[in-house]
Amino acid sequence: MGFINNAKAKGATDEARKAYTEGRSVLVYKFIEANKTSMTTAPMTGVGEQIEAVEAEGWTLANMAAAESKTLGGERAAVICLFRRR
């Protein structure tokens, strides 16, 4: 993982730890990826690693949804993940 993706994974890990400390059993987290084009099939760079970072804190991915948008800076994909913990 590159520097930016490492920082994003650390942010996700920090939020997962915080939610656990607060005694929460549900965590909803949004991961954003910049796309060159949405017309190709390709790995979502860093998203899998960020999900793994949250799951390493004891959370389990329960549901996921995705959305794409076009901005002045390019295309973005947002992956909204619902994690659960018992």
PDB file of N, CA and C in Angstrom:
ATOM      1  N   MET A   1       0.847  -1.173   0.000  1.00  0.00           N
ATOM      2  CA  MET A   1       0.000   0.000   0.000  1.00  0.00           C
ATOM      3  C   MET A   1       0.887   1.228   0.000  1.00  0.00           C
ATOM      4  N   GLY A   2       0.440   2.258  -0.690  1.00  0.00           N
ATOM      5  CA  GLY A   2       1.182   3.502  -0.724  1.00  0.00           C
ATOM      6  C   GLY A   2       0.915   4.365   0.500  1.00  0.00           C
ATOM      7  N   PHE A   3       1.591   5.490   0.563  1.00  0.00           N
ATOM      8  CA  PHE A   3       1.494   6.401   1.702  1.00  0.00           C
ATOM      9  C   PHE A   3       0.057   6.843   1.976  1.00  0.00           C
ATOM     10  N   ILE A   4      -0.662   7.252   0.934  1.00  0.00           N
ATOM     11  CA  ILE A   4      -2.035   7.738   1.120  1.00  0.00           C
ATOM     12  C   ILE A   4      -2.938   6.610   1.606  1.00  0.00           C
ATOM     13  N   ASN A   5      -2.836   5.444   0.993  1.00  0.00           N
ATOM     14  CA  ASN A   5      -3.672   4.319   1.417  1.00  0.00           C
ATOM     15  C   ASN A   5      -3.324   3.860   2.832  1.00  0.00           C
ATOM     16  N   ASN A   6      -2.049   3.940   3.214  1.00  0.00           N
ATOM     17  CA  ASN A   6      -1.665   3.613   4.589  1.00  0.00           C
ATOM     18  C   ASN A   6      -2.312   4.584   5.569  1.00  0.00           C
ATOM     19  N   ALA A   7      -2.317   5.865   5.208  1.00  0.00           N
ATOM     20  CA  ALA A   7      -2.931   6.874   6.078  1.00  0.00           C
ATOM     21  C   ALA A   7      -4.435   6.638   6.186  1.00  0.00           C
ATOM     22  N   LYS A   8      -5.080   6.275   5.069  1.00  0.00           N
ATOM     23  CA  LYS A   8      -6.516   5.995   5.098  1.00  0.00           C
ATOM     24  C   LYS A   8      -6.807   4.767   5.961  1.00  0.00           C
ATOM     25  N   ALA A   9      -5.978   3.731   5.849  1.00  0.00           N
ATOM     26  CA  ALA A   9      -6.172   2.524   6.660  1.00  0.00           C
ATOM     27  C   ALA A   9      -5.984   2.841   8.138  1.00  0.00           C
ATOM     28  N   LYS A  10      -5.019   3.696   8.463  1.00  0.00           N
ATOM     29  CA  LYS A  10      -4.810   4.082   9.861  1.00  0.00           C
ATOM     30  C   LYS A  10      -6.013   4.847  10.382  1.00  0.00           C
ATOM     31  N   GLY A  11      -6.579   5.738   9.569  1.00  0.00           N
ATOM     32  CA  GLY A  11      -7.768   6.476   9.979  1.00  0.00           C
ATOM     33  C   GLY A  11      -8.939   5.545  10.242  1.00  0.00           C
ATOM     34  N   ALA A  12      -9.120   4.563   9.376  1.00  0.00           N
ATOM     35  CA  ALA A  12     -10.202   3.588   9.547  1.00  0.00           C
ATOM     36  C   ALA A  12      -9.972   2.757  10.806  1.00  0.00           C
ATOM     37  N   THR A  13      -8.716   2.362  11.043  1.00  0.00           N
ATOM     38  CA  THR A  13      -8.378   1.589  12.238  1.00  0.00           C
ATOM     39  C   THR A  13      -8.665   2.403  13.497  1.00  0.00           C
ATOM     40  N   ASP A  14      -8.277   3.664  13.485  1.00  0.00           N
ATOM     41  CA  ASP A  14      -8.512   4.527  14.647  1.00  0.00           C
ATOM     42  C   ASP A  14     -10.008   4.651  14.950  1.00  0.00           C
ATOM     43  N   GLU A  15     -10.818   4.817  13.914  1.00  0.00           N
ATOM     44  CA  GLU A  15     -12.268   4.935  14.111  1.00  0.00           C
ATOM     45  C   GLU A  15     -12.872   3.620  14.604  1.00  0.00           C
ATOM     46  N   ALA A  16     -12.354   2.500  14.105  1.00  0.00           N
ATOM     47  CA  ALA A  16     -12.842   1.190  14.554  1.00  0.00           C
ATOM     48  C   ALA A  16     -12.528   0.987  16.035  1.00  0.00           C
ATOM     49  N   ARG A  17     -11.337   1.370  16.451  1.00  0.00           N
ATOM     50  CA  ARG A  17     -10.958   1.258  17.869  1.00  0.00           C
ATOM     51  C   ARG A  17     -11.818   2.170  18.737  1.00  0.00           C
ATOM     52  N   LYS A  18     -12.042   3.385  18.251  1.00  0.00           N
ATOM     53  CA  LYS A  18     -12.858   4.349  18.995  1.00  0.00           C
ATOM     54  C   LYS A  18     -14.284   3.820  19.180  1.00  0.00           C
ATOM     55  N   ALA A  19     -14.872   3.299  18.104  1.00  0.00           N
ATOM     56  CA  ALA A  19     -16.232   2.764  18.184  1.00  0.00           C
ATOM     57  C   ALA A  19     -16.302   1.603  19.176  1.00  0.00           C
ATOM     58  N   TYR A  20     -15.280   0.752  19.177  1.00  0.00           N
ATOM     59  CA  TYR A  20     -15.240  -0.370  20.118  1.00  0.00           C
ATOM     60  C   TYR A  20     -15.152   0.145  21.555  1.00  0.00           C
ATOM     61  N   THR A  21     -14.275   1.122  21.778  1.00  0.00           N
ATOM     62  CA  THR A  21     -14.104   1.698  23.109  1.00  0.00           C
ATOM     63  C   THR A  21     -15.406   2.315  23.615  1.00  0.00           C
ATOM     64  N   GLU A  22     -16.187   2.884  22.693  1.00  0.00           N
ATOM     65  CA  GLU A  22     -17.468   3.490  23.056  1.00  0.00           C
ATOM     66  C   GLU A  22     -18.563   2.454  23.276  1.00  0.00           C
ATOM     67  N   GLY A  23     -18.244   1.187  23.027  1.00  0.00           N
ATOM     68  CA  GLY A  23     -19.207   0.118  23.243  1.00  0.00           C
ATOM     69  C   GLY A  23     -20.205  -0.051  22.110  1.00  0.00           C
ATOM     70  N   ARG A  24     -19.888   0.490  20.937  1.00  0.00           N
ATOM     71  CA  ARG A  24     -20.811   0.377  19.811  1.00  0.00           C
ATOM     72  C   ARG A  24     -20.722  -1.005  19.184  1.00  0.00           C
ATOM     73  N   SER A  25     -21.827  -1.459  18.613  1.00  0.00           N
ATOM     74  CA  SER A  25     -21.842  -2.758  17.935  1.00  0.00           C
ATOM     75  C   SER A  25     -21.985  -2.609  16.425  1.00  0.00           C
ATOM     76  N   VAL A  26     -22.173  -1.376  15.955  1.00  0.00           N
ATOM     77  CA  VAL A  26     -22.300  -1.096  14.521  1.00  0.00           C
ATOM     78  C   VAL A  26     -21.364   0.068  14.176  1.00  0.00           C
ATOM     79  N   LEU A  27     -20.659  -0.091  13.088  1.00  0.00           N
ATOM     80  CA  LEU A  27     -19.789   0.967  12.564  1.00  0.00           C
ATOM     81  C   LEU A  27     -20.087   1.115  11.082  1.00  0.00           C
ATOM     82  N   VAL A  28     -20.427   2.315  10.649  1.00  0.00           N
ATOM     83  CA  VAL A  28     -20.624   2.593   9.228  1.00  0.00           C
ATOM     84  C   VAL A  28     -19.475   3.485   8.798  1.00  0.00           C
ATOM     85  N   TYR A  29     -18.762   3.060   7.771  1.00  0.00           N
ATOM     86  CA  TYR A  29     -17.568   3.785   7.330  1.00  0.00           C
ATOM     87  C   TYR A  29     -17.603   3.954   5.813  1.00  0.00           C
ATOM     88  N   LYS A  30     -17.193   5.133   5.366  1.00  0.00           N
ATOM     89  CA  LYS A  30     -17.174   5.432   3.926  1.00  0.00           C
ATOM     90  C   LYS A  30     -15.723   5.463   3.452  1.00  0.00           C
ATOM     91  N   PHE A  31     -15.438   4.644   2.455  1.00  0.00           N
ATOM     92  CA  PHE A  31     -14.131   4.631   1.816  1.00  0.00           C
ATOM     93  C   PHE A  31     -14.280   5.292   0.450  1.00  0.00           C
ATOM     94  N   ILE A  32     -13.373   6.180   0.094  1.00  0.00           N
ATOM     95  CA  ILE A  32     -13.448   6.869  -1.199  1.00  0.00           C
ATOM     96  C   ILE A  32     -12.200   6.546  -2.011  1.00  0.00           C
ATOM     97  N   GLU A  33     -12.420   6.275  -3.288  1.00  0.00           N
ATOM     98  CA  GLU A  33     -11.318   6.001  -4.212  1.00  0.00           C
ATOM     99  C   GLU A  33     -11.460   6.903  -5.428  1.00  0.00           C
ATOM    100  N   ALA A  34     -10.355   7.483  -5.851  1.00  0.00           N
ATOM    101  CA  ALA A  34     -10.339   8.267  -7.082  1.00  0.00           C
ATOM    102  C   ALA A  34     -10.180   7.303  -8.253  1.00  0.00           C
ATOM    103  N   ASN A  35     -11.020   7.467  -9.277  1.00  0.00           N
ATOM    104  CA  ASN A  35     -10.975   6.609 -10.463  1.00  0.00           C
ATOM    105  C   ASN A  35     -10.440   7.381 -11.647  1.00  0.00           C
ATOM    106  N   LYS A  36      -9.717   6.676 -12.510  1.00  0.00           N
ATOM    107  CA  LYS A  36      -9.357   7.286 -13.783  1.00  0.00           C
ATOM    108  C   LYS A  36     -10.558   7.263 -14.703  1.00  0.00           C
ATOM    109  N   THR A  37     -11.266   6.155 -14.686  1.00  0.00           N
ATOM    110  CA  THR A  37     -12.489   6.034 -15.467  1.00  0.00           C
ATOM    111  C   THR A  37     -13.348   4.933 -14.870  1.00  0.00           C
ATOM    112  N   SER A  38     -14.625   5.156 -14.841  1.00  0.00           N
ATOM    113  CA  SER A  38     -15.521   4.135 -14.304  1.00  0.00           C
ATOM    114  C   SER A  38     -15.898   3.112 -15.363  1.00  0.00           C
ATOM    115  N   MET A  39     -15.364   3.254 -16.554  1.00  0.00           N
ATOM    116  CA  MET A  39     -15.716   2.366 -17.657  1.00  0.00           C
ATOM    117  C   MET A  39     -14.857   1.104 -17.696  1.00  0.00           C
ATOM    118  N   THR A  40     -13.945   0.948 -16.733  1.00  0.00           N
ATOM    119  CA  THR A  40     -13.094  -0.234 -16.730  1.00  0.00           C
ATOM    120  C   THR A  40     -13.304  -1.045 -15.459  1.00  0.00           C
ATOM    121  N   THR A  41     -13.050  -2.322 -15.557  1.00  0.00           N
ATOM    122  CA  THR A  41     -13.077  -3.198 -14.391  1.00  0.00           C
ATOM    123  C   THR A  41     -11.659  -3.270 -13.852  1.00  0.00           C
ATOM    124  N   ALA A  42     -11.510  -2.987 -12.558  1.00  0.00           N
ATOM    125  CA  ALA A  42     -10.174  -2.979 -11.973  1.00  0.00           C
ATOM    126  C   ALA A  42     -10.287  -3.030 -10.458  1.00  0.00           C
ATOM    127  N   PRO A  43      -9.198  -3.407  -9.812  1.00  0.00           N
ATOM    128  CA  PRO A  43      -9.216  -3.379  -8.339  1.00  0.00           C
ATOM    129  C   PRO A  43      -9.422  -1.951  -7.830  1.00  0.00           C
ATOM    130  N   MET A  44     -10.076  -1.827  -6.698  1.00  0.00           N
ATOM    131  CA  MET A  44     -10.241  -0.533  -6.050  1.00  0.00           C
ATOM    132  C   MET A  44      -9.041  -0.365  -5.120  1.00  0.00           C
ATOM    133  N   THR A  45      -8.055   0.338  -5.581  1.00  0.00           N
ATOM    134  CA  THR A  45      -6.779   0.466  -4.896  1.00  0.00           C
ATOM    135  C   THR A  45      -6.956   0.924  -3.450  1.00  0.00           C
ATOM    136  N   GLY A  46      -6.494   0.103  -2.535  1.00  0.00           N
ATOM    137  CA  GLY A  46      -6.495   0.462  -1.132  1.00  0.00           C
ATOM    138  C   GLY A  46      -7.775   0.150  -0.379  1.00  0.00           C
ATOM    139  N   VAL A  47      -8.900  -0.010  -1.059  1.00  0.00           N
ATOM    140  CA  VAL A  47     -10.173  -0.225  -0.365  1.00  0.00           C
ATOM    141  C   VAL A  47     -10.169  -1.560   0.367  1.00  0.00           C
ATOM    142  N   GLY A  48      -9.724  -2.603  -0.282  1.00  0.00           N
ATOM    143  CA  GLY A  48      -9.661  -3.915   0.364  1.00  0.00           C
ATOM    144  C   GLY A  48      -8.764  -3.895   1.593  1.00  0.00           C
ATOM    145  N   GLU A  49      -7.642  -3.229   1.475  1.00  0.00           N
ATOM    146  CA  GLU A  49      -6.712  -3.142   2.590  1.00  0.00           C
ATOM    147  C   GLU A  49      -7.326  -2.364   3.756  1.00  0.00           C
ATOM    148  N   GLN A  50      -8.111  -1.338   3.443  1.00  0.00           N
ATOM    149  CA  GLN A  50      -8.761  -0.556   4.494  1.00  0.00           C
ATOM    150  C   GLN A  50      -9.844  -1.377   5.190  1.00  0.00           C
ATOM    151  N   ILE A  51     -10.593  -2.150   4.426  1.00  0.00           N
ATOM    152  CA  ILE A  51     -11.590  -3.037   5.023  1.00  0.00           C
ATOM    153  C   ILE A  51     -10.900  -4.064   5.917  1.00  0.00           C
ATOM    154  N   GLU A  52      -9.787  -4.615   5.451  1.00  0.00           N
ATOM    155  CA  GLU A  52      -9.031  -5.573   6.267  1.00  0.00           C
ATOM    156  C   GLU A  52      -8.540  -4.931   7.559  1.00  0.00           C
ATOM    157  N   ALA A  53      -8.151  -3.655   7.505  1.00  0.00           N
ATOM    158  CA  ALA A  53      -7.669  -2.958   8.694  1.00  0.00           C
ATOM    159  C   ALA A  53      -8.778  -2.839   9.740  1.00  0.00           C
ATOM    160  N   VAL A  54      -9.997  -2.561   9.292  1.00  0.00           N
ATOM    161  CA  VAL A  54     -11.129  -2.481  10.227  1.00  0.00           C
ATOM    162  C   VAL A  54     -11.441  -3.866  10.781  1.00  0.00           C
ATOM    163  N   GLU A  55     -11.451  -4.869   9.918  1.00  0.00           N
ATOM    164  CA  GLU A  55     -11.747  -6.226  10.380  1.00  0.00           C
ATOM    165  C   GLU A  55     -10.680  -6.741  11.347  1.00  0.00           C
ATOM    166  N   ALA A  56      -9.455  -6.275  11.212  1.00  0.00           N
ATOM    167  CA  ALA A  56      -8.390  -6.672  12.133  1.00  0.00           C
ATOM    168  C   ALA A  56      -8.650  -6.166  13.550  1.00  0.00           C
ATOM    169  N   GLU A  57      -9.537  -5.195  13.683  1.00  0.00           N
ATOM    170  CA  GLU A  57      -9.921  -4.670  14.995  1.00  0.00           C
ATOM    171  C   GLU A  57     -11.109  -5.419  15.584  1.00  0.00           C
ATOM    172  N   GLY A  58     -11.522  -6.514  14.933  1.00  0.00           N
ATOM    173  CA  GLY A  58     -12.598  -7.344  15.465  1.00  0.00           C
ATOM    174  C   GLY A  58     -13.968  -7.089  14.860  1.00  0.00           C
ATOM    175  N   TRP A  59     -14.059  -6.204  13.883  1.00  0.00           N
ATOM    176  CA  TRP A  59     -15.324  -5.920  13.205  1.00  0.00           C
ATOM    177  C   TRP A  59     -15.483  -6.866  12.025  1.00  0.00           C
ATOM    178  N   THR A  60     -16.723  -7.129  11.626  1.00  0.00           N
ATOM    179  CA  THR A  60     -17.018  -7.977  10.471  1.00  0.00           C
ATOM    180  C   THR A  60     -17.846  -7.179   9.482  1.00  0.00           C
ATOM    181  N   LEU A  61     -17.416  -7.165   8.224  1.00  0.00           N
ATOM    182  CA  LEU A  61     -18.173  -6.481   7.184  1.00  0.00           C
ATOM    183  C   LEU A  61     -19.494  -7.217   6.985  1.00  0.00           C
ATOM    184  N   ALA A  62     -20.612  -6.501   7.172  1.00  0.00           N
ATOM    185  CA  ALA A  62     -21.936  -7.109   7.059  1.00  0.00           C
ATOM    186  C   ALA A  62     -22.631  -6.711   5.757  1.00  0.00           C
ATOM    187  N   ASN A  63     -22.496  -5.456   5.353  1.00  0.00           N
ATOM    188  CA  ASN A  63     -23.130  -4.960   4.125  1.00  0.00           C
ATOM    189  C   ASN A  63     -22.231  -3.911   3.488  1.00  0.00           C
ATOM    190  N   MET A  64     -22.395  -3.776   2.169  1.00  0.00           N
ATOM    191  CA  MET A  64     -21.621  -2.786   1.441  1.00  0.00           C
ATOM    192  C   MET A  64     -22.473  -2.230   0.306  1.00  0.00           C
ATOM    193  N   ALA A  65     -22.322  -0.936   0.044  1.00  0.00           N
ATOM    194  CA  ALA A  65     -22.977  -0.294  -1.092  1.00  0.00           C
ATOM    195  C   ALA A  65     -21.948   0.630  -1.740  1.00  0.00           C
ATOM    196  N   ALA A  66     -22.115   0.890  -3.022  1.00  0.00           N
ATOM    197  CA  ALA A  66     -21.171   1.755  -3.727  1.00  0.00           C
ATOM    198  C   ALA A  66     -21.909   2.801  -4.545  1.00  0.00           C
ATOM    199  N   ALA A  67     -21.252   3.936  -4.706  1.00  0.00           N
ATOM    200  CA  ALA A  67     -21.794   5.006  -5.536  1.00  0.00           C
ATOM    201  C   ALA A  67     -20.637   5.675  -6.245  1.00  0.00           C
ATOM    202  N   GLU A  68     -20.911   6.192  -7.432  1.00  0.00           N
ATOM    203  CA  GLU A  68     -19.890   6.914  -8.188  1.00  0.00           C
ATOM    204  C   GLU A  68     -20.369   8.329  -8.438  1.00  0.00           C
ATOM    205  N   SER A  69     -19.407   9.239  -8.518  1.00  0.00           N
ATOM    206  CA  SER A  69     -19.747  10.620  -8.842  1.00  0.00           C
ATOM    207  C   SER A  69     -18.631  11.228  -9.676  1.00  0.00           C
ATOM    208  N   LYS A  70     -18.981  12.250 -10.399  1.00  0.00           N
ATOM    209  CA  LYS A  70     -17.999  12.986 -11.186  1.00  0.00           C
ATOM    210  C   LYS A  70     -17.864  14.368 -10.565  1.00  0.00           C
ATOM    211  N   THR A  71     -16.620  14.773 -10.348  1.00  0.00           N
ATOM    212  CA  THR A  71     -16.342  16.079  -9.775  1.00  0.00           C
ATOM    213  C   THR A  71     -15.384  16.808 -10.698  1.00  0.00           C
ATOM    214  N   LEU A  72     -15.086  18.037 -10.376  1.00  0.00           N
ATOM    215  CA  LEU A  72     -14.122  18.782 -11.187  1.00  0.00           C
ATOM    216  C   LEU A  72     -12.748  18.118 -11.164  1.00  0.00           C
ATOM    217  N   GLY A  73     -12.447  17.428 -10.066  1.00  0.00           N
ATOM    218  CA  GLY A  73     -11.152  16.765  -9.943  1.00  0.00           C
ATOM    219  C   GLY A  73     -11.111  15.371 -10.538  1.00  0.00           C
ATOM    220  N   GLY A  74     -12.206  14.890 -11.086  1.00  0.00           N
ATOM    221  CA  GLY A  74     -12.233  13.554 -11.663  1.00  0.00           C
ATOM    222  C   GLY A  74     -13.377  12.740 -11.106  1.00  0.00           C
ATOM    223  N   GLU A  75     -13.294  11.446 -11.307  1.00  0.00           N
ATOM    224  CA  GLU A  75     -14.343  10.553 -10.847  1.00  0.00           C
ATOM    225  C   GLU A  75     -13.979   9.976  -9.485  1.00  0.00           C
ATOM    226  N   ARG A  76     -14.990   9.748  -8.680  1.00  0.00           N
ATOM    227  CA  ARG A  76     -14.798   9.189  -7.351  1.00  0.00           C
ATOM    228  C   ARG A  76     -15.777   8.043  -7.144  1.00  0.00           C
ATOM    229  N   ALA A  77     -15.318   7.024  -6.460  1.00  0.00           N
ATOM    230  CA  ALA A  77     -16.196   5.931  -6.054  1.00  0.00           C
ATOM    231  C   ALA A  77     -16.207   5.916  -4.532  1.00  0.00           C
ATOM    232  N   ALA A  78     -17.400   5.870  -3.964  1.00  0.00           N
ATOM    233  CA  ALA A  78     -17.541   5.770  -2.515  1.00  0.00           C
ATOM    234  C   ALA A  78     -18.098   4.390  -2.191  1.00  0.00           C
ATOM    235  N   VAL A  79     -17.473   3.727  -1.263  1.00  0.00           N
ATOM    236  CA  VAL A  79     -17.939   2.427  -0.807  1.00  0.00           C
ATOM    237  C   VAL A  79     -18.364   2.618   0.646  1.00  0.00           C
ATOM    238  N   ILE A  80     -19.652   2.441   0.895  1.00  0.00           N
ATOM    239  CA  ILE A  80     -20.200   2.569   2.237  1.00  0.00           C
ATOM    240  C   ILE A  80     -20.283   1.169   2.845  1.00  0.00           C
ATOM    241  N   CYS A  81     -19.589   0.978   3.968  1.00  0.00           N
ATOM    242  CA  CYS A  81     -19.521  -0.341   4.585  1.00  0.00           C
ATOM    243  C   CYS A  81     -20.144  -0.320   5.968  1.00  0.00           C
ATOM    244  N   LEU A  82     -20.969  -1.311   6.237  1.00  0.00           N
ATOM    245  CA  LEU A  82     -21.554  -1.495   7.553  1.00  0.00           C
ATOM    246  C   LEU A  82     -20.841  -2.676   8.202  1.00  0.00           C
ATOM    247  N   PHE A  83     -20.172  -2.398   9.304  1.00  0.00           N
ATOM    248  CA  PHE A  83     -19.463  -3.429  10.059  1.00  0.00           C
ATOM    249  C   PHE A  83     -20.242  -3.697  11.340  1.00  0.00           C
ATOM    250  N   ARG A  84     -20.224  -4.939  11.777  1.00  0.00           N
ATOM    251  CA  ARG A  84     -20.874  -5.310  13.036  1.00  0.00           C
ATOM    252  C   ARG A  84     -19.864  -5.989  13.946  1.00  0.00           C
ATOM    253  N   ARG A  85     -20.163  -5.863  15.218  1.00  0.00           N
ATOM    254  CA  ARG A  85     -19.312  -6.475  16.228  1.00  0.00           C
ATOM    255  C   ARG A  85     -20.214  -6.947  17.364  1.00  0.00           C
ATOM    256  N   ARG A  86     -19.938  -8.103  17.904  1.00  0.00           N
ATOM    257  CA  ARG A  86     -20.740  -8.615  19.032  1.00  0.00           C
ATOM    258  C   ARG A  86     -20.067  -8.291  20.339  1.00  0.00           C
TER     259      ARG A  86
END
